[in-house]
Amino acid sequence: MAGAEPKGGGRLEKRIPALFLALKDKETPLAAKVMAGITVGYALSPIDLIPDFIPVLGYLDDLILLPAFAALAIKLIPAGVWERSCERAEHLWENGRPKKWYYALPIVLIWLLAAWLIVKKIWF
């Protein structure tokens, strides 16, 4: 069964690292990789779709959108890949932060590009 939920995998902070690991797995289908990439990128992004300062609606992305994205990505990931990713994610932080901080670079570059395009559109 695709995307079967292993024991203890119900918390979002455990799902995001597992989704990231599943994203890098060669056995993950393309649709699942795209959805996992969107989910991980959105989770790590400092900018929300709905800004938090908007009363009630501002927290909907944290309470509804992100878990929905994660659930959809998990459904698309084959069960074996998901379970393997969850097991690897549990041990990811044992020795402190992961050393591969450069995985954040694409997200930073995307937001810098977006900011540059906005500034260019406004001032030029």
Foldseek 3Di string as FASTA:
>chain_A
DALDDDPPNPDPVLLLQLLVQLLPDPQQDPVLNVLSVVLNLQVPAPDHPADLVPPPVNCCCVVPVNVVSSSVSSRRHGPVSSVVSSVCSVCQQVPHHHPPPCVCVVSVVVVVVVVVVVVVVVPD
